């Protein structure tokens, strides 16, 4: 029996124990109703015990998954650090030259990134020239992607510079 069915049965049995408003007598066998109520309470108790066990099992599963996530995250971060170190060695040894290593090729491509030297000057200029998509409010913060696009179109934004760099990749 499901929990809601048990609760409904208990409610029906309790309504049988209510006295008749006119006579004040309880219709039916009180002992039988009490016996049925006790049986339903036992069923309800076992269902609640089962639900409690399921909750405890679920919590244990959540804890185990969190521990596994933490372990996997640490493992991923260690592999990422190893990758960065090994790529730095390849970059240093290839010295900016495309190099075929047999199983892979070390390639280089030009990249650019925006460096903000003086954010207050840059924000003042952006506000006064109507470039509202290049910064965020309430804590004014420069949107580097938008300002980079603006600088690449030829605008000279004070307080920022476009830095040309080389990016090493392995294919």
Foldseek 3Di string as FASTA:
>chain_A
DDLVVLVVLLVVLVVQQQADVVPRHRPDDPVVSVVVNVVSVVVNVVVVVVVVVVVVVVVVVVVVVVVVVVVVVVVVVVVVVVVVVVLVVVCVVCVQPWADPPVKIKHKDKDKFKDFQDVVQQVVVCVVVVVVVQWDDDVTDGDRVSVVVVVVVPDDRPRMDIDMDMDIDMD
